[in-house]
Amino acid sequence: MCTEESHFDRMSHIYHCNQQDMGPPQGFKRGMKLEAVDKWNPSLTCVATVTDIMESRFLIHFDAWDDTYDYWCDAASNYIHPVGWCEENSKVLSPPNGKLVPVTLWSLDHIPLIMIQ
């Protein structure tokens, strides 16, 4: 289950990235949940997980998707957003099972209900 420590403040991390040349992105951890844009279909924002970290970049995996869609990015990427970004910006969030549901279902209290194990 995700905790508040596993989520990030985008502007804070952009600031930290600009203050450091290399090293792991501050606050990002393996297993952390995000809302990430599909680079090959930018109209889709999906539930995603940080699956690896290497130097100043991390690997994004779309939950319940094949790993061929994974991509590396840094904390300043416009393709990643904290949990709740879609709801705050009136965007549709695609959950792991591919069925569209109201974005209000995506919250820390509901993560176990929408994850496919």
C-alpha atoms as a PDB file:
ATOM      1  CA  MET A   1       0.000   0.000   0.000  1.00  0.00           C
ATOM      2  CA  CYS A   2       1.276   3.460  -0.781  1.00  0.00           C
ATOM      3  CA  THR A   3       1.996   5.972   1.927  1.00  0.00           C
ATOM      4  CA  GLU A   4       2.328   9.729   1.786  1.00  0.00           C
ATOM      5  CA  GLU A   5       6.102   9.250   1.695  1.00  0.00           C
ATOM      6  CA  SER A   6       5.817   7.418  -1.649  1.00  0.00           C
ATOM      7  CA  HIS A   7       4.243  10.397  -3.460  1.00  0.00           C
ATOM      8  CA  PHE A   8       5.983  13.497  -4.655  1.00  0.00           C
ATOM      9  CA  ASP A   9       5.578  17.226  -5.034  1.00  0.00           C
ATOM     10  CA  ARG A  10       6.447  17.952  -8.674  1.00  0.00           C
ATOM     11  CA  MET A  11       7.742  21.522  -8.205  1.00  0.00           C
ATOM     12  CA  SER A  12       9.874  20.518  -5.237  1.00  0.00           C
ATOM     13  CA  HIS A  13      11.522  17.773  -7.268  1.00  0.00           C
ATOM     14  CA  ILE A  14      12.116  20.001 -10.276  1.00  0.00           C
ATOM     15  CA  TYR A  15      13.884  22.399  -7.914  1.00  0.00           C
ATOM     16  CA  HIS A  16      15.975  19.581  -6.410  1.00  0.00           C
ATOM     17  CA  CYS A  17      16.871  18.243  -9.867  1.00  0.00           C
ATOM     18  CA  ASN A  18      18.092  21.675 -10.913  1.00  0.00           C
ATOM     19  CA  GLN A  19      20.238  21.827  -7.768  1.00  0.00           C
ATOM     20  CA  GLN A  20      21.953  18.496  -8.455  1.00  0.00           C
ATOM     21  CA  ASP A  21      23.896  17.367 -11.508  1.00  0.00           C
ATOM     22  CA  MET A  22      23.617  13.623 -10.955  1.00  0.00           C
ATOM     23  CA  GLY A  23      22.391  11.144  -8.398  1.00  0.00           C
ATOM     24  CA  PRO A  24      19.068   9.486  -7.682  1.00  0.00           C
ATOM     25  CA  PRO A  25      15.991  11.674  -8.072  1.00  0.00           C
ATOM     26  CA  GLN A  26      15.035  12.943  -4.630  1.00  0.00           C
ATOM     27  CA  GLY A  27      11.959  11.309  -3.125  1.00  0.00           C
ATOM     28  CA  PHE A  28      11.401   8.794  -5.914  1.00  0.00           C
ATOM     29  CA  LYS A  29      11.388   5.167  -4.795  1.00  0.00           C
ATOM     30  CA  ARG A  30      10.770   1.819  -6.420  1.00  0.00           C
ATOM     31  CA  GLY A  31       7.105   0.934  -6.072  1.00  0.00           C
ATOM     32  CA  MET A  32       5.944   4.567  -5.959  1.00  0.00           C
ATOM     33  CA  LYS A  33       2.648   5.251  -7.766  1.00  0.00           C
ATOM     34  CA  LEU A  34       2.256   8.021 -10.359  1.00  0.00           C
ATOM     35  CA  GLU A  35      -0.122   9.158 -13.060  1.00  0.00           C
ATOM     36  CA  ALA A  36       1.884   8.954 -16.284  1.00  0.00           C
ATOM     37  CA  VAL A  37       1.204   9.939 -19.879  1.00  0.00           C
ATOM     38  CA  ASP A  38       1.597   7.253 -22.533  1.00  0.00           C
ATOM     39  CA  LYS A  39       4.269   8.766 -24.817  1.00  0.00           C
ATOM     40  CA  TRP A  40       2.916   6.844 -27.826  1.00  0.00           C
ATOM     41  CA  ASN A  41      -0.678   7.893 -27.165  1.00  0.00           C
ATOM     42  CA  PRO A  42      -0.472  11.250 -25.315  1.00  0.00           C
ATOM     43  CA  SER A  43      -4.237  11.397 -24.841  1.00  0.00           C
ATOM     44  CA  LEU A  44      -3.904   8.566 -22.278  1.00  0.00           C
ATOM     45  CA  THR A  45      -2.845   9.207 -18.699  1.00  0.00           C
ATOM     46  CA  CYS A  46      -2.537   5.956 -16.786  1.00  0.00           C
ATOM     47  CA  VAL A  47      -1.820   4.502 -13.372  1.00  0.00           C
ATOM     48  CA  ALA A  48       1.918   3.790 -13.279  1.00  0.00           C
ATOM     49  CA  THR A  49       4.696   2.651 -10.948  1.00  0.00           C
ATOM     50  CA  VAL A  50       8.385   3.561 -10.597  1.00  0.00           C
ATOM     51  CA  THR A  51      10.083   0.192 -11.201  1.00  0.00           C
ATOM     52  CA  ASP A  52      13.768   1.111 -11.358  1.00  0.00           C
ATOM     53  CA  ILE A  53      16.091   4.022 -10.614  1.00  0.00           C
ATOM     54  CA  MET A  54      19.422   4.654 -12.316  1.00  0.00           C
ATOM     55  CA  GLU A  55      21.435   7.787 -11.584  1.00  0.00           C
ATOM     56  CA  SER A  56      19.083  10.749 -12.085  1.00  0.00           C
ATOM     57  CA  ARG A  57      16.433   8.856 -14.063  1.00  0.00           C
ATOM     58  CA  PHE A  58      13.745   6.347 -13.220  1.00  0.00           C
ATOM     59  CA  LEU A  59      11.767   3.733 -15.127  1.00  0.00           C
ATOM     60  CA  ILE A  60       7.992   4.182 -15.458  1.00  0.00           C
ATOM     61  CA  HIS A  61       5.861   1.049 -15.832  1.00  0.00           C
ATOM     62  CA  PHE A  62       2.149   1.275 -16.664  1.00  0.00           C
ATOM     63  CA  ASP A  63       0.315  -1.023 -14.256  1.00  0.00           C
ATOM     64  CA  ALA A  64      -1.030  -4.186 -15.951  1.00  0.00           C
ATOM     65  CA  TRP A  65       0.622  -3.237 -19.279  1.00  0.00           C
ATOM     66  CA  ASP A  66       3.381  -5.102 -21.077  1.00  0.00           C
ATOM     67  CA  ASP A  67       6.842  -3.776 -20.181  1.00  0.00           C
ATOM     68  CA  THR A  68       7.473  -2.805 -23.812  1.00  0.00           C
ATOM     69  CA  TYR A  69       5.589   0.426 -22.977  1.00  0.00           C
ATOM     70  CA  ASP A  70       7.929   1.309 -20.083  1.00  0.00           C
ATOM     71  CA  TYR A  71      10.099   4.402 -20.426  1.00  0.00           C
ATOM     72  CA  TRP A  72      12.859   6.229 -18.597  1.00  0.00           C
ATOM     73  CA  CYS A  73      12.392   9.829 -17.486  1.00  0.00           C
ATOM     74  CA  ASP A  74      13.626  12.344 -14.952  1.00  0.00           C
ATOM     75  CA  ALA A  75      11.774  14.236 -12.239  1.00  0.00           C
ATOM     76  CA  ALA A  76      11.235  17.290 -14.475  1.00  0.00           C
ATOM     77  CA  SER A  77       9.410  15.282 -17.159  1.00  0.00           C
ATOM     78  CA  ASN A  78       6.058  16.628 -18.344  1.00  0.00           C
ATOM     79  CA  TYR A  79       4.897  13.022 -18.772  1.00  0.00           C
ATOM     80  CA  ILE A  80       4.601  12.228 -15.055  1.00  0.00           C
ATOM     81  CA  HIS A  81       2.248  13.586 -12.434  1.00  0.00           C
ATOM     82  CA  PRO A  82       1.516  12.918  -8.763  1.00  0.00           C
ATOM     83  CA  VAL A  83      -1.489  10.849  -7.754  1.00  0.00           C
ATOM     84  CA  GLY A  84      -4.574  13.072  -7.997  1.00  0.00           C
ATOM     85  CA  TRP A  85      -3.293  15.228 -10.887  1.00  0.00           C
ATOM     86  CA  CYS A  86      -5.976  13.985 -13.321  1.00  0.00           C
ATOM     87  CA  GLU A  87      -8.755  14.741 -10.869  1.00  0.00           C
ATOM     88  CA  GLU A  88      -7.384  18.227 -10.132  1.00  0.00           C
ATOM     89  CA  ASN A  89      -7.076  18.981 -13.858  1.00  0.00           C
ATOM     90  CA  SER A  90     -10.353  17.384 -15.033  1.00  0.00           C
ATOM     91  CA  LYS A  91      -8.516  14.716 -17.046  1.00  0.00           C
ATOM     92  CA  VAL A  92      -9.516  11.090 -17.533  1.00  0.00           C
ATOM     93  CA  LEU A  93      -7.296   8.585 -15.715  1.00  0.00           C
ATOM     94  CA  SER A  94      -7.047   5.126 -17.285  1.00  0.00           C
ATOM     95  CA  PRO A  95      -6.869   2.535 -14.486  1.00  0.00           C
ATOM     96  CA  PRO A  96      -4.764  -0.639 -14.814  1.00  0.00           C
ATOM     97  CA  ASN A  97      -7.610  -2.826 -16.025  1.00  0.00           C
ATOM     98  CA  GLY A  98      -8.281  -0.509 -18.984  1.00  0.00           C
ATOM     99  CA  LYS A  99     -11.841   0.316 -17.935  1.00  0.00           C
ATOM    100  CA  LEU A 100     -12.592   3.998 -17.541  1.00  0.00           C
ATOM    101  CA  VAL A 101     -13.861   4.924 -14.086  1.00  0.00           C
ATOM    102  CA  PRO A 102     -14.435   8.277 -12.403  1.00  0.00           C
ATOM    103  CA  VAL A 103     -11.096   9.775 -11.357  1.00  0.00           C
ATOM    104  CA  THR A 104     -12.420  10.262  -7.829  1.00  0.00           C
ATOM    105  CA  LEU A 105     -11.906   6.514  -7.300  1.00  0.00           C
ATOM    106  CA  TRP A 106      -8.129   7.013  -7.570  1.00  0.00           C
ATOM    107  CA  SER A 107      -6.902   7.982  -4.143  1.00  0.00           C
ATOM    108  CA  LEU A 108      -4.641   6.573  -1.460  1.00  0.00           C
ATOM    109  CA  ASP A 109      -7.643   4.881   0.155  1.00  0.00           C
ATOM    110  CA  HIS A 110      -8.640   3.120  -3.075  1.00  0.00           C
ATOM    111  CA  ILE A 111      -5.308   1.988  -4.540  1.00  0.00           C
ATOM    112  CA  PRO A 112      -5.729  -1.655  -3.427  1.00  0.00           C
ATOM    113  CA  LEU A 113      -9.166  -1.758  -5.081  1.00  0.00           C
ATOM    114  CA  ILE A 114      -7.901  -0.871  -8.560  1.00  0.00           C
ATOM    115  CA  MET A 115      -4.576  -2.710  -8.642  1.00  0.00           C
ATOM    116  CA  ILE A 116      -4.401  -5.992 -10.531  1.00  0.00           C
ATOM    117  CA  GLN A 117      -2.294  -8.533  -8.725  1.00  0.00           C
END
